[in-house]
Each structure stands twice: as structure tokens, then as C-alpha cells.
């Protein structure tokens, strides 16, 4: 069975340049996620490179306000993902 890994940053990203480097290597869409929190705070979906700067700044500012740390992680966004349990139904 082939296991595909979703590309994401290994370390928190603290600059827009770091976010751009990730997108240039792995492409769009990406999700920007607060490194120090959860619950959707500091999370942004980016589908267009022109949105990246504003989305990064917004996510970082919200993360800083909510968690005291504006660093974020980025990962490729998988649109319309299938749950692993759904895969068993595709076999004859």
C-alpha cells in the first residue's frame, strides 16, 4: 500500500519569505496554521499566490494575539480528501 505524505514545514515559519519559499517548492493551495495553538485561530487557506502575503500577516497577527506567538506552520491543502475508511469501499 502506497502511503502519501502531505508536505508541510518541519519548523515554525516566522517570515513571509519563508512561507513563499515553501509555496514555491510545493505549490498551492496551502493552509497556514498557528504553531502554538488550535481551534482555527491563526488558520488561513491560500489558493492564490497574491493572497499569500496578506494571509500570512493575518494568521501570524491572530496567532500572536491568541497564543503569544505569531509563528505558523504551512502544509499543502488536500481538497476533497477521503477518509481512510472510505478507501475500503473502492476495492472490488
N, C-alpha and C. Protein backbone atom coordinates (compact mmCIF):
# COMPACT_ATOMS: atom_id res chain seq x y z
N UNK A 1 0.85 -1.17 0.00
CA UNK A 1 0.00 0.00 0.00
C UNK A 1 0.89 1.24 0.00
N UNK A 2 0.64 2.14 -0.90
CA UNK A 2 1.40 3.38 -1.00
C UNK A 2 0.83 4.40 -0.03
N UNK A 3 1.69 4.95 0.81
CA UNK A 3 1.28 5.98 1.75
C UNK A 3 1.84 7.30 1.27
N UNK A 4 0.98 8.26 1.02
CA UNK A 4 1.42 9.58 0.60
C UNK A 4 1.42 10.51 1.79
N UNK A 5 2.48 11.28 1.90
CA UNK A 5 2.61 12.22 2.99
C UNK A 5 2.28 13.61 2.48
N UNK A 6 1.51 14.35 3.23
CA UNK A 6 1.18 15.72 2.86
C UNK A 6 2.38 16.60 3.20
N UNK A 7 2.93 17.33 2.23
CA UNK A 7 4.07 18.20 2.52
C UNK A 7 3.70 19.30 3.50
N UNK A 8 4.59 19.55 4.44
CA UNK A 8 4.41 20.62 5.41
C UNK A 8 5.75 21.05 5.98
N UNK A 9 5.78 22.20 6.61
CA UNK A 9 7.03 22.68 7.20
C UNK A 9 7.36 21.88 8.45
N UNK A 10 8.63 21.58 8.63
CA UNK A 10 9.09 20.85 9.82
C UNK A 10 9.23 21.77 11.02
N UNK A 11 9.57 23.01 10.76
CA UNK A 11 9.79 24.01 11.80
C UNK A 11 8.80 25.16 11.60
N UNK A 12 8.47 25.89 12.66
CA UNK A 12 7.60 27.05 12.51
C UNK A 12 8.21 28.08 11.57
N UNK A 13 7.35 28.75 10.83
CA UNK A 13 7.75 29.79 9.89
C UNK A 13 7.42 31.14 10.53
N UNK A 14 8.38 32.07 10.47
CA UNK A 14 8.18 33.37 11.11
C UNK A 14 8.24 34.53 10.13
N UNK A 15 8.49 34.24 8.84
CA UNK A 15 8.58 35.32 7.85
C UNK A 15 7.77 34.97 6.61
N UNK A 16 7.32 36.01 5.94
CA UNK A 16 6.62 35.81 4.67
C UNK A 16 7.55 35.14 3.66
N UNK A 17 8.82 35.49 3.69
CA UNK A 17 9.79 34.89 2.76
C UNK A 17 9.86 33.38 2.96
N UNK A 18 9.81 32.93 4.20
CA UNK A 18 9.80 31.50 4.48
C UNK A 18 8.54 30.83 3.94
N UNK A 19 7.41 31.51 4.06
CA UNK A 19 6.16 30.98 3.52
C UNK A 19 6.22 30.91 1.99
N UNK A 20 6.76 31.94 1.37
CA UNK A 20 6.90 31.95 -0.10
C UNK A 20 7.80 30.82 -0.59
N UNK A 21 8.89 30.59 0.13
CA UNK A 21 9.81 29.51 -0.26
C UNK A 21 9.09 28.16 -0.24
N UNK A 22 8.27 27.92 0.79
CA UNK A 22 7.52 26.68 0.87
C UNK A 22 6.56 26.55 -0.31
N UNK A 23 5.82 27.61 -0.60
CA UNK A 23 4.83 27.58 -1.69
C UNK A 23 5.53 27.40 -3.04
N UNK A 24 6.66 28.03 -3.22
CA UNK A 24 7.38 27.88 -4.49
C UNK A 24 7.85 26.45 -4.68
N UNK A 25 8.19 25.77 -3.59
CA UNK A 25 8.63 24.38 -3.70
C UNK A 25 7.48 23.39 -3.84
N UNK A 26 6.39 23.59 -3.07
CA UNK A 26 5.33 22.59 -3.00
C UNK A 26 4.02 22.99 -3.68
N UNK A 27 3.87 24.26 -4.01
CA UNK A 27 2.68 24.71 -4.73
C UNK A 27 1.52 25.07 -3.82
N UNK A 28 0.43 25.41 -4.47
CA UNK A 28 -0.82 25.82 -3.82
C UNK A 28 -1.89 24.77 -4.09
N UNK A 29 -2.93 24.71 -3.30
CA UNK A 29 -3.25 25.53 -2.14
C UNK A 29 -2.48 25.08 -0.89
N UNK A 30 -2.35 25.99 0.06
CA UNK A 30 -1.73 25.69 1.34
C UNK A 30 -2.62 26.18 2.47
N UNK A 31 -2.39 25.60 3.63
CA UNK A 31 -3.04 26.09 4.85
C UNK A 31 -1.93 26.64 5.73
N UNK A 32 -2.17 27.83 6.25
CA UNK A 32 -1.29 28.45 7.24
C UNK A 32 -1.95 28.20 8.58
N UNK A 33 -1.19 27.63 9.54
CA UNK A 33 -1.76 27.26 10.83
C UNK A 33 -0.88 27.77 11.96
N UNK A 34 -1.48 28.32 12.99
CA UNK A 34 -0.74 28.79 14.16
C UNK A 34 0.07 27.64 14.75
N UNK A 35 1.34 27.91 15.03
CA UNK A 35 2.22 26.87 15.57
C UNK A 35 1.91 26.55 17.03
N UNK A 36 1.41 27.51 17.77
CA UNK A 36 1.25 27.32 19.21
C UNK A 36 -0.19 27.16 19.67
N UNK A 37 -1.11 26.95 18.76
CA UNK A 37 -2.49 26.86 19.20
C UNK A 37 -3.34 26.03 18.28
N UNK A 38 -4.62 26.20 18.43
CA UNK A 38 -5.56 25.45 17.62
C UNK A 38 -6.93 26.08 17.63
N UNK A 39 -7.91 25.30 17.36
CA UNK A 39 -9.28 25.79 17.36
C UNK A 39 -9.59 26.71 16.20
N UNK A 40 -8.75 26.68 15.16
CA UNK A 40 -8.99 27.52 13.99
C UNK A 40 -8.40 28.91 14.09
N UNK A 41 -7.90 29.29 15.25
CA UNK A 41 -7.27 30.61 15.39
C UNK A 41 -5.93 30.59 14.66
N UNK A 42 -5.68 31.66 13.90
CA UNK A 42 -4.43 31.75 13.16
C UNK A 42 -4.36 30.80 11.98
N UNK A 43 -5.51 30.42 11.44
CA UNK A 43 -5.54 29.49 10.31
C UNK A 43 -6.10 30.20 9.07
N UNK A 44 -5.40 30.03 7.95
CA UNK A 44 -5.85 30.63 6.70
C UNK A 44 -5.60 29.65 5.55
N UNK A 45 -6.53 29.60 4.61
CA UNK A 45 -6.40 28.83 3.39
C UNK A 45 -5.95 29.78 2.29
N UNK A 46 -4.90 29.41 1.56
CA UNK A 46 -4.38 30.25 0.49
C UNK A 46 -4.44 29.46 -0.81
N UNK A 47 -5.18 29.98 -1.78
CA UNK A 47 -5.30 29.33 -3.08
C UNK A 47 -4.60 30.11 -4.19
N UNK A 48 -4.19 31.35 -3.90
CA UNK A 48 -3.59 32.21 -4.92
C UNK A 48 -2.35 32.88 -4.34
N UNK A 49 -1.25 32.88 -5.07
CA UNK A 49 0.00 33.46 -4.57
C UNK A 49 -0.18 34.92 -4.17
N UNK A 50 -1.07 35.64 -4.83
CA UNK A 50 -1.30 37.04 -4.49
C UNK A 50 -1.91 37.21 -3.10
N UNK A 51 -2.54 36.18 -2.57
CA UNK A 51 -3.15 36.21 -1.23
C UNK A 51 -2.14 35.87 -0.13
N UNK A 52 -0.99 35.31 -0.50
CA UNK A 52 -0.09 34.76 0.49
C UNK A 52 0.39 35.78 1.51
N UNK A 53 0.84 36.95 1.06
CA UNK A 53 1.38 37.95 1.99
C UNK A 53 0.36 38.40 3.02
N UNK A 54 -0.83 38.76 2.57
CA UNK A 54 -1.88 39.23 3.47
C UNK A 54 -2.35 38.10 4.39
N UNK A 55 -2.48 36.89 3.86
CA UNK A 55 -2.93 35.76 4.67
C UNK A 55 -1.89 35.39 5.72
N UNK A 56 -0.61 35.43 5.34
CA UNK A 56 0.45 35.14 6.30
C UNK A 56 0.43 36.16 7.43
N UNK A 57 0.36 37.44 7.08
CA UNK A 57 0.35 38.51 8.09
C UNK A 57 -0.86 38.38 9.01
N UNK A 58 -2.02 38.10 8.44
CA UNK A 58 -3.24 37.97 9.22
C UNK A 58 -3.18 36.78 10.16
N UNK A 59 -2.73 35.64 9.66
CA UNK A 59 -2.63 34.44 10.50
C UNK A 59 -1.62 34.65 11.62
N UNK A 60 -0.49 35.25 11.29
CA UNK A 60 0.55 35.49 12.28
C UNK A 60 0.09 36.46 13.37
N UNK A 61 -0.59 37.52 12.96
CA UNK A 61 -1.10 38.50 13.92
C UNK A 61 -2.14 37.88 14.84
N UNK A 62 -3.05 37.09 14.28
CA UNK A 62 -4.08 36.42 15.09
C UNK A 62 -3.45 35.40 16.04
N UNK A 63 -2.45 34.67 15.56
CA UNK A 63 -1.77 33.70 16.41
C UNK A 63 -1.04 34.40 17.56
N UNK A 64 -0.40 35.51 17.27
CA UNK A 64 0.29 36.27 18.31
C UNK A 64 -0.69 36.75 19.38
N UNK A 65 -1.82 37.28 18.94
CA UNK A 65 -2.83 37.78 19.88
C UNK A 65 -3.43 36.65 20.72
N UNK A 66 -3.69 35.51 20.10
CA UNK A 66 -4.36 34.41 20.80
C UNK A 66 -3.42 33.56 21.65
N UNK A 67 -2.18 33.37 21.18
CA UNK A 67 -1.30 32.40 21.82
C UNK A 67 0.04 32.98 22.28
N UNK A 68 0.26 34.28 22.00
CA UNK A 68 1.52 34.90 22.40
C UNK A 68 2.69 34.53 21.53
N UNK A 69 2.43 33.93 20.37
CA UNK A 69 3.49 33.52 19.44
C UNK A 69 2.91 33.57 18.03
N UNK A 70 3.50 34.36 17.16
CA UNK A 70 2.98 34.53 15.80
C UNK A 70 3.54 33.56 14.78
N UNK A 71 4.33 32.59 15.22
CA UNK A 71 4.89 31.65 14.25
C UNK A 71 3.79 30.69 13.77
N UNK A 72 3.98 30.20 12.55
CA UNK A 72 2.98 29.34 11.91
C UNK A 72 3.65 28.15 11.23
N UNK A 73 2.85 27.16 10.94
CA UNK A 73 3.25 26.06 10.07
C UNK A 73 2.49 26.21 8.76
N UNK A 74 3.05 25.68 7.69
CA UNK A 74 2.35 25.62 6.42
C UNK A 74 2.27 24.17 5.99
N UNK A 75 1.18 23.81 5.35
CA UNK A 75 1.09 22.49 4.75
C UNK A 75 0.20 22.57 3.52
N UNK A 76 0.47 21.67 2.59
CA UNK A 76 -0.37 21.61 1.40
C UNK A 76 -1.78 21.28 1.84
N UNK A 77 -2.73 21.89 1.19
CA UNK A 77 -4.14 21.63 1.48
C UNK A 77 -4.64 20.54 0.53
N UNK A 78 -5.22 19.52 1.10
CA UNK A 78 -5.83 18.46 0.29
C UNK A 78 -7.31 18.76 0.23
N UNK A 79 -7.75 19.16 -0.94
CA UNK A 79 -9.17 19.49 -1.10
C UNK A 79 -9.93 18.21 -1.44
N UNK A 80 -11.09 18.06 -0.87
CA UNK A 80 -11.93 16.86 -1.03
C UNK A 80 -11.19 15.58 -0.64
N UNK A 81 -10.61 15.56 0.56
CA UNK A 81 -9.90 14.34 0.98
C UNK A 81 -10.88 13.21 1.25
N UNK A 82 -10.38 12.00 1.17
CA UNK A 82 -11.19 10.83 1.50
C UNK A 82 -10.68 10.25 2.80
N UNK A 83 -11.58 9.86 3.65
CA UNK A 83 -11.23 9.22 4.91
C UNK A 83 -10.70 7.83 4.61
N UNK A 84 -9.73 7.38 5.38
CA UNK A 84 -9.11 6.08 5.15
C UNK A 84 -10.15 4.96 5.14
N UNK A 85 -11.19 5.09 5.92
CA UNK A 85 -12.26 4.09 5.92
C UNK A 85 -13.00 4.03 4.60
N UNK A 86 -13.04 5.15 3.89
CA UNK A 86 -13.71 5.18 2.60
C UNK A 86 -12.95 4.39 1.54
N UNK A 87 -11.65 4.20 1.73
CA UNK A 87 -10.83 3.52 0.73
C UNK A 87 -11.21 2.05 0.61
N UNK A 88 -11.66 1.45 1.69
CA UNK A 88 -12.00 0.02 1.63
C UNK A 88 -13.21 -0.20 0.72
N UNK A 89 -14.02 0.79 0.52
CA UNK A 89 -15.21 0.66 -0.31
C UNK A 89 -14.89 0.71 -1.80
N UNK A 90 -13.67 1.15 -2.15
CA UNK A 90 -13.31 1.27 -3.57
C UNK A 90 -12.77 -0.02 -4.14
N UNK A 91 -12.49 -0.99 -3.28
CA UNK A 91 -11.97 -2.27 -3.76
C UNK A 91 -13.12 -3.20 -4.14
N UNK A 92 -12.89 -3.99 -5.19
CA UNK A 92 -13.96 -4.94 -5.59
C UNK A 92 -14.15 -6.05 -4.59
